[in-house]
Amino acid sequence: YDYIDNNPFFEFFPTEYVNDVFNISQHEKMVGINVGLEIDLTGQVCADSLGYRFYSGIGGQVDFIRGAARSRGGKAIIAMPSTAKGGEVSRIVPALTKGAGVVTTRGDVHYVVTEFGTAYLHGKSIRQRCMDLINIAHPKFRNELIQAAKAQKYIYEDQIELAWDQVAYPHELEHYDTLHNGAEIFFRPVKPTDEPALSEMLYSLSERSVQTRYMTHTMTFPHKDVQQLTNIDYRQDISIVGTVPGASGDEIVAIAQYFLDPKTLRAEVAFIVQDEWQQKGMGTLLLKYITDIARKRGVKQFYARVQPANKPMLAVFHNSGYKVNTEFDGDVYSISYDLNQPA
């Protein structure tokens, strides 16, 4: 109290001033963190009641959510644990509990954070919001939420469902690395929510890149095909994406995958690198990365099919540091090597 007494650096104002959205927004990089009790799949946040029973007042949540959103460089965040009642119920729900009040509307919500990650909802479609929120729900409730979203026609009816222990995201596989040109790339396992970004990358590929990867001239990548790349069993298969910051979030510029045959412990390997990121060492980094993962998981052999025209990819394999077996099989090279036989 002595420090504050008559100290010109401290000022006191009434709530009408402190909680004024305009005043809040004048702070650059203002971060408003508010707590939610429940959020539905469209982004409506309940923060003041448990059904019809009032838990608290709304406080300044709406003021600081809107003020932080209007602040230059600001962020409006809803933070909440993914479950309640000792893990028995999900706080991310298909619909708010009957009687629950909407404190933050789906139009105001920006970031939602749980212990399983962050969902950025602002400006996104209902389908994207659903998938983003399901991705940060507790894994044991995700299929239940997917089924509810399908029933409400929020997402595709053929959206892939995986067992909850298959979708536990392996955070330990995230890391940064640097290309030959000095560009920093964030490598991480693919997520189901990556489908729009991966589709965007695929449609940006040149006809040559599509031909060398898929050995076809098709330039169409429908949902049913792309979701096969983003919904994987992390326990068995691996898909690693390389991302860079973009105007509306991280952009995917490359993806590397291996698909394991659990009977033989052989894995098929495939790569896609966006045209402007080719010839920069991306393929080499991705192969090294998934090789390290495969060795730790007991995979015995990698194999791939590569077109003769795809000389950069052939070079990546032959410079992998392993004894590579190459056979010309009709119009493609069949490449294989044992992960326990370095060159």
Protein backbone atom coordinates (compact mmCIF):
# COMPACT_ATOMS: atom_id res chain seq x y z
CA TYR A 1 0.00 0.00 0.00
CA ASP A 2 2.85 2.39 0.79
CA TYR A 3 4.28 1.82 -2.70
CA ILE A 4 0.98 2.60 -4.42
CA ASP A 5 0.11 5.57 -2.19
CA ASN A 6 0.47 8.79 -4.25
CA ASN A 7 2.49 6.89 -6.89
CA PRO A 8 1.81 8.55 -10.29
CA PHE A 9 2.43 5.26 -12.10
CA PHE A 10 -0.79 3.80 -10.70
CA GLU A 11 -4.27 4.88 -11.68
CA PHE A 12 -7.65 3.49 -10.67
CA PHE A 13 -10.68 3.52 -12.94
CA PRO A 14 -14.22 2.16 -12.69
CA THR A 15 -15.29 -1.01 -14.47
CA GLU A 16 -16.98 1.07 -17.18
CA TYR A 17 -13.52 2.27 -18.23
CA VAL A 18 -11.37 -0.80 -17.57
CA ASN A 19 -13.75 -3.17 -19.36
CA ASP A 20 -14.47 -0.85 -22.27
CA VAL A 21 -13.73 -2.80 -25.46
CA PHE A 22 -12.25 0.27 -27.15
CA ASN A 23 -9.83 0.90 -24.26
CA ILE A 24 -8.79 -2.74 -24.12
CA SER A 25 -8.10 -2.77 -27.85
CA GLN A 26 -5.69 0.17 -27.57
CA HIS A 27 -3.10 -2.10 -25.94
CA GLU A 28 -0.85 -3.64 -28.59
CA LYS A 29 -0.49 -7.43 -28.42
CA MET A 30 -3.20 -7.62 -25.81
CA VAL A 31 -3.87 -11.23 -24.79
CA GLY A 32 -7.24 -11.96 -23.20
CA ILE A 33 -7.42 -15.39 -21.52
CA ASN A 34 -10.83 -16.48 -20.30
CA VAL A 35 -12.14 -19.78 -18.96
CA GLY A 36 -14.95 -21.82 -20.47
CA LEU A 37 -17.05 -24.46 -18.74
CA GLU A 38 -18.36 -26.01 -21.94
CA ILE A 39 -18.03 -25.41 -25.68
CA ASP A 40 -20.10 -26.90 -28.48
CA LEU A 41 -18.75 -28.07 -31.83
CA THR A 42 -19.63 -24.79 -33.55
CA GLY A 43 -17.66 -22.69 -31.04
CA GLN A 44 -20.34 -21.42 -28.65
CA VAL A 45 -18.84 -21.03 -25.17
CA CYS A 46 -20.73 -21.38 -21.89
CA ALA A 47 -18.84 -19.82 -18.98
CA ASP A 48 -21.42 -18.93 -16.36
CA SER A 49 -23.77 -21.86 -15.80
CA LEU A 50 -24.08 -25.61 -15.46
CA GLY A 51 -27.31 -26.17 -17.32
CA TYR A 52 -29.93 -24.01 -15.61
CA ARG A 53 -27.82 -23.59 -12.47
CA PHE A 54 -25.76 -20.42 -12.43
CA TYR A 55 -22.13 -21.04 -11.57
CA SER A 56 -20.86 -17.46 -11.80
CA GLY A 57 -21.43 -14.18 -13.59
CA ILE A 58 -20.14 -13.46 -17.08
CA GLY A 59 -17.56 -11.05 -15.68
CA GLY A 60 -15.52 -9.28 -18.31
CA GLN A 61 -15.19 -12.26 -20.64
CA VAL A 62 -17.00 -10.74 -23.60
CA ASP A 63 -15.23 -7.39 -23.15
CA PHE A 64 -11.73 -8.88 -23.10
CA ILE A 65 -12.43 -11.43 -25.83
CA ARG A 66 -13.55 -8.66 -28.18
CA GLY A 67 -10.98 -6.13 -26.99
CA ALA A 68 -8.05 -8.54 -27.40
CA ALA A 69 -9.34 -9.57 -30.83
CA ARG A 70 -9.35 -5.90 -31.94
CA SER A 71 -5.91 -5.23 -30.47
CA ARG A 72 -3.03 -5.02 -32.95
CA GLY A 73 -1.26 -8.37 -32.62
CA GLY A 74 -3.66 -9.40 -29.86
CA LYS A 75 -5.08 -12.83 -29.13
CA ALA A 76 -8.43 -13.83 -27.64
CA ILE A 77 -8.13 -17.19 -25.89
CA ILE A 78 -10.63 -19.54 -24.25
CA ALA A 79 -8.78 -21.97 -21.96
CA MET A 80 -10.35 -25.06 -20.46
CA PRO A 81 -9.52 -28.62 -19.40
CA SER A 82 -10.84 -31.14 -21.92
CA THR A 83 -12.88 -33.06 -19.34
CA ALA A 84 -14.86 -32.61 -16.12
CA LYS A 85 -15.98 -34.85 -13.25
CA GLY A 86 -12.62 -36.60 -13.05
CA GLY A 87 -12.49 -37.34 -16.76
CA GLU A 88 -15.99 -38.81 -16.97
CA VAL A 89 -17.44 -36.15 -19.29
CA SER A 90 -16.09 -34.04 -22.14
CA ARG A 91 -16.23 -30.26 -21.92
CA ILE A 92 -16.25 -30.18 -25.73
CA VAL A 93 -19.78 -31.28 -26.60
CA PRO A 94 -22.04 -31.70 -29.65
CA ALA A 95 -24.51 -29.20 -28.14
CA LEU A 96 -24.49 -27.12 -24.97
CA THR A 97 -26.34 -28.56 -21.99
CA LYS A 98 -30.00 -27.57 -21.91
CA GLY A 99 -30.27 -24.26 -20.07
CA ALA A 100 -26.59 -23.35 -20.53
CA GLY A 101 -25.97 -19.73 -21.48
CA VAL A 102 -23.83 -18.61 -24.40
CA VAL A 103 -21.30 -16.12 -23.04
CA THR A 104 -18.91 -16.03 -26.01
CA THR A 105 -20.62 -16.51 -29.37
CA ARG A 106 -19.26 -18.59 -32.22
CA GLY A 107 -18.63 -15.32 -34.03
CA ASP A 108 -16.34 -14.01 -31.27
CA VAL A 109 -14.31 -17.09 -30.42
CA HIS A 110 -10.75 -17.18 -31.76
CA TYR A 111 -8.42 -19.57 -29.92
CA VAL A 112 -9.58 -22.51 -27.78
CA VAL A 113 -6.92 -24.27 -25.72
CA THR A 114 -7.00 -27.58 -23.82
CA GLU A 115 -4.21 -29.83 -22.58
CA PHE A 116 -4.36 -31.55 -25.99
CA GLY A 117 -3.59 -28.50 -28.10
CA THR A 118 -4.96 -25.34 -29.65
CA ALA A 119 -7.86 -24.83 -32.06
CA TYR A 120 -8.08 -21.59 -34.04
CA LEU A 121 -11.71 -21.14 -35.06
CA HIS A 122 -12.07 -17.57 -36.29
CA GLY A 123 -13.21 -17.36 -39.90
CA LYS A 124 -13.48 -21.12 -40.33
CA SER A 125 -16.38 -23.18 -41.64
CA ILE A 126 -18.55 -25.30 -39.36
CA ARG A 127 -16.82 -28.46 -40.62
CA GLN A 128 -13.37 -27.06 -39.90
CA ARG A 129 -14.47 -25.86 -36.45
CA CYS A 130 -15.81 -29.31 -35.61
CA MET A 131 -12.63 -31.07 -36.67
CA ASP A 132 -10.38 -28.55 -34.91
CA LEU A 133 -12.31 -28.84 -31.64
CA ILE A 134 -12.53 -32.64 -31.83
CA ASN A 135 -8.76 -32.68 -32.30
CA ILE A 136 -8.23 -31.01 -28.90
CA ALA A 137 -10.87 -33.05 -27.07
CA HIS A 138 -9.78 -35.95 -24.89
CA PRO A 139 -8.98 -38.86 -27.26
CA LYS A 140 -11.50 -41.19 -25.61
CA PHE A 141 -14.36 -38.83 -26.55
CA ARG A 142 -13.29 -38.04 -30.12
CA ASN A 143 -15.18 -40.82 -31.91
CA GLU A 144 -18.31 -39.97 -29.95
CA LEU A 145 -17.97 -36.35 -31.07
CA ILE A 146 -17.31 -37.36 -34.68
CA GLN A 147 -20.45 -39.52 -34.68
CA ALA A 148 -22.52 -36.66 -33.24
CA ALA A 149 -21.11 -34.22 -35.81
CA LYS A 150 -22.03 -36.66 -38.59
CA ALA A 151 -25.56 -36.99 -37.23
CA GLN A 152 -25.89 -33.20 -37.24
CA LYS A 153 -24.50 -33.00 -40.81
CA TYR A 154 -21.61 -30.83 -39.63
CA ILE A 155 -18.89 -33.02 -41.20
CA TYR A 156 -18.59 -35.59 -43.98
CA GLU A 157 -20.51 -38.81 -43.36
CA ASP A 158 -17.44 -40.84 -44.35
CA GLN A 159 -15.09 -39.06 -41.94
CA ILE A 160 -12.62 -41.66 -40.67
CA GLU A 161 -12.96 -42.79 -37.07
CA LEU A 162 -10.04 -44.26 -35.13
CA ALA A 163 -9.82 -45.90 -31.72
CA TRP A 164 -8.88 -43.37 -29.02
CA ASP A 165 -5.51 -45.01 -28.36
CA GLN A 166 -4.69 -44.71 -32.07
CA VAL A 167 -5.09 -40.94 -32.15
CA ALA A 168 -2.95 -39.97 -29.15
CA TYR A 169 -0.77 -37.33 -30.83
CA PRO A 170 3.00 -38.04 -30.51
CA HIS A 171 4.27 -34.60 -29.45
CA GLU A 172 7.77 -36.00 -28.99
CA LEU A 173 8.15 -36.25 -32.79
CA GLU A 174 7.91 -32.49 -33.33
CA HIS A 175 11.10 -30.61 -34.14
CA TYR A 176 12.60 -27.76 -36.17
CA ASP A 177 15.31 -28.14 -38.81
CA THR A 178 17.02 -25.94 -41.38
CA LEU A 179 17.24 -26.37 -45.17
CA HIS A 180 20.23 -25.59 -47.40
CA ASN A 181 18.91 -22.08 -48.02
CA GLY A 182 18.63 -21.31 -44.30
CA ALA A 183 14.83 -21.63 -44.16
CA GLU A 184 13.55 -23.06 -40.88
CA ILE A 185 10.96 -25.83 -41.21
CA PHE A 186 8.73 -27.19 -38.47
CA PHE A 187 8.35 -30.96 -38.83
CA ARG A 188 5.53 -32.71 -36.98
CA PRO A 189 3.15 -35.65 -37.30
CA VAL A 190 0.13 -35.00 -39.49
CA LYS A 191 -3.21 -34.28 -37.80
CA PRO A 192 -6.79 -34.92 -38.98
CA THR A 193 -7.25 -31.13 -39.02
CA ASP A 194 -4.53 -30.83 -41.67
CA GLU A 195 -6.89 -31.95 -44.44
CA PRO A 196 -7.65 -28.42 -45.79
CA ALA A 197 -3.98 -27.36 -45.69
CA LEU A 198 -2.82 -30.61 -47.30
CA SER A 199 -5.47 -30.30 -50.02
CA GLU A 200 -4.24 -26.79 -50.71
CA MET A 201 -0.67 -28.05 -51.05
CA LEU A 202 -1.69 -30.90 -53.36
CA TYR A 203 -3.63 -28.58 -55.67
CA SER A 204 -0.62 -26.26 -55.81
CA LEU A 205 1.61 -29.00 -57.26
CA SER A 206 2.72 -28.87 -60.87
CA GLU A 207 1.62 -31.61 -63.24
CA ARG A 208 5.20 -32.93 -63.22
CA SER A 209 5.22 -33.26 -59.43
CA VAL A 210 1.86 -35.05 -59.44
CA GLN A 211 3.07 -37.42 -62.15
CA THR A 212 6.30 -38.31 -60.33
CA ARG A 213 4.49 -38.95 -57.04
CA TYR A 214 1.24 -40.61 -58.12
CA MET A 215 2.36 -41.90 -61.55
CA THR A 216 -0.82 -40.47 -63.04
CA HIS A 217 -1.92 -37.22 -64.64
CA THR A 218 -4.86 -36.73 -62.29
CA MET A 219 -5.09 -33.27 -60.75
CA THR A 220 -8.08 -34.05 -58.52
CA PHE A 221 -7.71 -34.77 -54.81
CA PRO A 222 -11.14 -35.47 -53.27
CA HIS A 223 -11.86 -35.56 -49.54
CA LYS A 224 -12.07 -39.36 -49.42
CA ASP A 225 -8.47 -39.63 -50.67
CA VAL A 226 -6.91 -36.76 -48.73
CA GLN A 227 -8.37 -37.87 -45.41
CA GLN A 228 -6.51 -41.17 -45.83
CA LEU A 229 -3.30 -39.14 -45.58
CA THR A 230 -4.31 -37.16 -42.49
CA ASN A 231 -6.10 -39.80 -40.40
CA ILE A 232 -3.53 -42.43 -39.47
CA ASP A 233 -2.88 -44.92 -36.70
CA TYR A 234 0.08 -43.26 -34.99
CA ARG A 235 1.00 -46.58 -33.37
CA GLN A 236 1.74 -48.23 -36.71
CA ASP A 237 2.16 -45.72 -39.53
CA ILE A 238 3.83 -42.32 -39.76
CA SER A 239 3.05 -39.19 -41.77
CA ILE A 240 5.33 -36.22 -41.14
CA VAL A 241 4.55 -32.79 -42.56
CA GLY A 242 6.92 -29.88 -43.02
CA THR A 243 5.28 -26.52 -42.30
CA VAL A 244 6.15 -22.83 -42.60
CA PRO A 245 4.25 -19.81 -41.23
CA GLY A 246 1.57 -18.49 -43.60
CA ALA A 247 -0.89 -15.61 -43.68
CA SER A 248 -3.69 -17.72 -42.20
CA GLY A 249 -1.69 -20.22 -40.15
CA ASP A 250 0.93 -22.83 -40.86
CA GLU A 251 1.24 -23.92 -44.49
CA ILE A 252 2.16 -27.50 -45.37
CA VAL A 253 4.99 -27.59 -47.90
CA ALA A 254 6.00 -31.27 -47.70
CA ILE A 255 4.87 -34.63 -46.40
CA ALA A 256 6.70 -37.92 -45.88
CA GLN A 257 5.00 -41.17 -44.99
CA TYR A 258 5.65 -44.78 -44.30
CA PHE A 259 2.97 -47.47 -44.18
CA LEU A 260 3.97 -50.56 -42.24
CA ASP A 261 3.11 -54.18 -42.96
CA PRO A 262 3.09 -55.47 -39.37
CA LYS A 263 3.59 -59.07 -40.53
CA THR A 264 6.86 -58.44 -42.36
CA LEU A 265 7.92 -55.19 -40.64
CA ARG A 266 8.50 -53.74 -44.12
CA ALA A 267 7.27 -50.20 -44.76
CA GLU A 268 6.46 -48.44 -48.02
CA VAL A 269 7.84 -44.90 -48.15
CA ALA A 270 6.42 -41.92 -50.08
CA PHE A 271 7.21 -38.21 -50.30
CA ILE A 272 5.57 -35.08 -51.66
CA VAL A 273 7.41 -31.74 -51.71
CA GLN A 274 5.83 -28.52 -53.01
CA ASP A 275 7.54 -27.37 -56.20
CA GLU A 276 9.07 -24.18 -54.79
CA TRP A 277 10.60 -26.17 -51.89
CA GLN A 278 12.25 -28.83 -54.05
CA GLN A 279 16.04 -29.01 -54.52
CA LYS A 280 16.63 -27.52 -51.06
CA GLY A 281 17.37 -30.64 -49.04
CA MET A 282 13.78 -31.20 -47.88
CA GLY A 283 13.63 -34.81 -49.08
CA THR A 284 16.92 -35.65 -47.38
CA LEU A 285 15.73 -34.26 -44.04
CA LEU A 286 12.38 -36.03 -44.28
CA LEU A 287 13.93 -39.40 -45.11
CA LYS A 288 16.40 -39.11 -42.25
CA TYR A 289 13.58 -38.12 -39.91
CA ILE A 290 11.23 -41.00 -40.72
CA THR A 291 14.17 -43.44 -40.82
CA ASP A 292 15.10 -42.52 -37.24
CA ILE A 293 11.48 -43.03 -36.17
CA ALA A 294 11.23 -46.37 -38.00
CA ARG A 295 14.45 -47.73 -36.48
CA LYS A 296 13.25 -46.90 -32.97
CA ARG A 297 9.97 -48.68 -33.70
CA GLY A 298 11.59 -51.84 -35.00
CA VAL A 299 10.86 -51.44 -38.72
CA LYS A 300 13.22 -53.71 -40.67
CA GLN A 301 13.05 -52.43 -44.25
CA PHE A 302 11.99 -49.47 -46.37
CA TYR A 303 10.87 -49.82 -49.97
CA ALA A 304 9.59 -47.42 -52.62
CA ARG A 305 8.75 -47.14 -56.31
CA VAL A 306 10.36 -44.21 -58.11
CA GLN A 307 10.05 -43.09 -61.72
CA PRO A 308 13.31 -42.81 -63.70
CA ALA A 309 12.60 -39.11 -64.34
CA ASN A 310 12.54 -38.43 -60.61
CA LYS A 311 16.32 -38.23 -60.31
CA PRO A 312 16.32 -36.01 -57.17
CA MET A 313 14.34 -38.65 -55.25
CA LEU A 314 16.59 -41.43 -56.51
CA ALA A 315 19.58 -39.44 -55.27
CA VAL A 316 17.95 -38.98 -51.84
CA PHE A 317 17.60 -42.75 -51.43
CA HIS A 318 21.09 -43.55 -52.71
CA ASN A 319 22.60 -40.96 -50.37
CA SER A 320 20.65 -42.27 -47.37
CA GLY A 321 23.66 -44.00 -45.83
CA TYR A 322 22.24 -47.50 -46.33
CA LYS A 323 22.94 -50.33 -48.79
CA VAL A 324 20.26 -49.60 -51.36
CA ASN A 325 18.97 -52.31 -53.70
CA THR A 326 17.66 -50.95 -57.00
CA GLU A 327 15.79 -52.93 -59.65
CA PHE A 328 14.20 -51.62 -62.83
CA ASP A 329 10.69 -53.02 -62.88
CA GLY A 330 9.02 -52.19 -66.18
CA ASP A 331 8.80 -48.39 -66.13
CA VAL A 332 9.79 -47.67 -62.51
CA TYR A 333 12.66 -48.34 -60.14
CA SER A 334 11.92 -50.58 -57.17
CA ILE A 335 14.09 -49.44 -54.29
CA SER A 336 14.58 -51.21 -50.98
CA TYR A 337 17.06 -51.26 -48.13
CA ASP A 338 17.37 -52.81 -44.70
CA LEU A 339 17.50 -50.35 -41.83
CA ASN A 340 20.10 -52.46 -40.04
CA GLN A 341 22.55 -52.42 -42.97
CA PRO A 342 24.29 -49.04 -43.21
CA ALA A 343 26.50 -48.50 -46.26
